[in-house]
Every structure is written in structure tokens, then in C-alpha cells.
Amino acid sequence: MELASKEKSVNSKDPEKLRLLMNRNEKYYVECDIPIEWRKIRIGLKKTPNNKAPDTDQISSEIWKIVQDEEAPGSNFAKIEI
């Protein structure tokens, strides 16, 4: 039991581990900070084919397309997408 208490968990709050993660020199893509426009979502929905298997959300494209003609995301379902 004593040995187990001395082991550090993979999910420990070790400050050195956090420092190493924060100092990584990864590329930063500014495109990720640009807000997604409703207009572009609508274009994507219209281009999406019907009768395809749903994505990981398990919602088919036919369901998502219900809101493709809304000029602004007014319905609660449309607001989920943005």
C-alpha cells in the first residue's frame, strides 16, 4: 500500500509536467480564431448529400438540413450548429 501512495498518477497535477506542455513550440493557426459565419454553415449544409451515414453526433444530414433556409440562426436547432 505504501508503494502505491508514492507513485505519481498519469493525471497528476505536477507543475513541471504542465510547464513542459505549455512550452511546446507548436504552430498556431490564426484561422481557428475566426468566427464561423452562418452563411458558410448554410452553404455547407446545402452541399451535404442526403442518405449518408451520420457523423459522430449520430444526427443525419437530413435533420441538420432542416435549418439550411433560415436567413439567421433563429430556431433553437439552428443555434446548436453555431
Protein backbone atom coordinates (compact mmCIF):
# COMPACT_ATOMS: atom_id res chain seq x y z
CA MET A 1 0.00 0.00 0.00
CA GLU A 2 2.86 2.35 0.79
CA LEU A 3 4.36 1.89 -2.68
CA ALA A 4 1.09 2.78 -4.37
CA SER A 5 0.87 6.04 -2.43
CA LYS A 6 4.34 7.11 -3.64
CA GLU A 7 3.58 6.55 -7.32
CA LYS A 8 2.57 9.57 -9.35
CA SER A 9 -0.61 9.27 -11.34
CA VAL A 10 -0.56 9.96 -15.06
CA ASN A 11 -3.14 12.64 -14.34
CA SER A 12 -1.17 14.21 -11.50
CA LYS A 13 -1.05 17.97 -11.06
CA ASP A 14 2.73 18.04 -11.35
CA PRO A 15 3.73 21.66 -12.16
CA GLU A 16 6.75 20.51 -14.17
CA LYS A 17 4.56 18.38 -16.42
CA LEU A 18 2.27 21.35 -17.02
CA ARG A 19 5.25 23.62 -17.76
CA LEU A 20 6.53 21.17 -20.38
CA LEU A 21 3.13 21.04 -22.05
CA MET A 22 2.79 24.83 -22.12
CA ASN A 23 6.25 25.43 -23.60
CA ARG A 24 5.79 23.30 -26.68
CA ASN A 25 6.57 25.10 -29.92
CA GLU A 26 3.51 24.13 -31.92
CA LYS A 27 2.25 26.02 -34.93
CA TYR A 28 -0.56 28.40 -34.13
CA TYR A 29 -3.28 28.71 -36.75
CA VAL A 30 -4.97 32.10 -36.59
CA GLU A 31 -7.76 30.73 -38.81
CA CYS A 32 -9.04 28.89 -35.74
CA ASP A 33 -9.87 32.23 -34.10
CA ILE A 34 -12.08 33.44 -36.96
CA PRO A 35 -15.78 33.09 -36.06
CA ILE A 36 -17.79 30.73 -38.24
CA GLU A 37 -20.39 32.60 -40.28
CA TRP A 38 -23.97 31.34 -40.50
CA ARG A 39 -23.83 31.93 -44.26
CA LYS A 40 -20.96 29.45 -44.57
CA ILE A 41 -22.78 26.87 -42.45
CA ARG A 42 -25.79 27.14 -44.77
CA ILE A 43 -23.58 26.69 -47.84
CA GLY A 44 -22.04 23.59 -46.28
CA LEU A 45 -25.44 22.15 -45.42
CA LYS A 46 -26.72 22.65 -48.96
CA LYS A 47 -23.66 20.86 -50.38
CA THR A 48 -24.01 17.91 -47.99
CA PRO A 49 -25.51 14.87 -49.74
CA ASN A 50 -28.56 13.11 -48.34
CA ASN A 51 -28.72 9.42 -47.43
CA LYS A 52 -25.26 9.32 -45.89
CA ALA A 53 -24.33 7.77 -42.56
CA PRO A 54 -24.47 10.22 -39.65
CA ASP A 55 -21.30 11.61 -38.13
CA THR A 56 -20.22 11.02 -34.54
CA ASP A 57 -23.16 13.11 -33.32
CA GLN A 58 -25.48 10.41 -34.80
CA ILE A 59 -27.65 13.09 -36.45
CA SER A 60 -28.26 12.53 -40.15
CA SER A 61 -27.65 15.29 -42.67
CA GLU A 62 -31.37 15.42 -43.47
CA ILE A 63 -32.04 16.56 -39.90
CA TRP A 64 -29.30 19.22 -39.99
CA LYS A 65 -30.66 20.48 -43.32
CA ILE A 66 -33.96 21.47 -41.68
CA VAL A 67 -32.39 24.84 -40.81
CA GLN A 68 -30.49 25.47 -44.06
CA ASP A 69 -33.01 28.02 -45.32
CA GLU A 70 -33.03 30.19 -42.20
CA GLU A 71 -31.50 33.59 -43.01
CA ALA A 72 -30.27 33.85 -39.43
CA PRO A 73 -29.94 31.15 -36.79
CA GLY A 74 -33.30 31.84 -35.16
CA SER A 75 -34.54 28.40 -34.20
CA ASN A 76 -33.09 26.59 -31.22
CA PHE A 77 -31.94 23.80 -33.53
CA ALA A 78 -30.03 26.26 -35.73
CA LYS A 79 -28.36 27.75 -32.66
CA ILE A 80 -26.93 24.31 -31.85
CA GLU A 81 -24.90 24.45 -35.04
CA ILE A 82 -23.07 27.66 -34.28
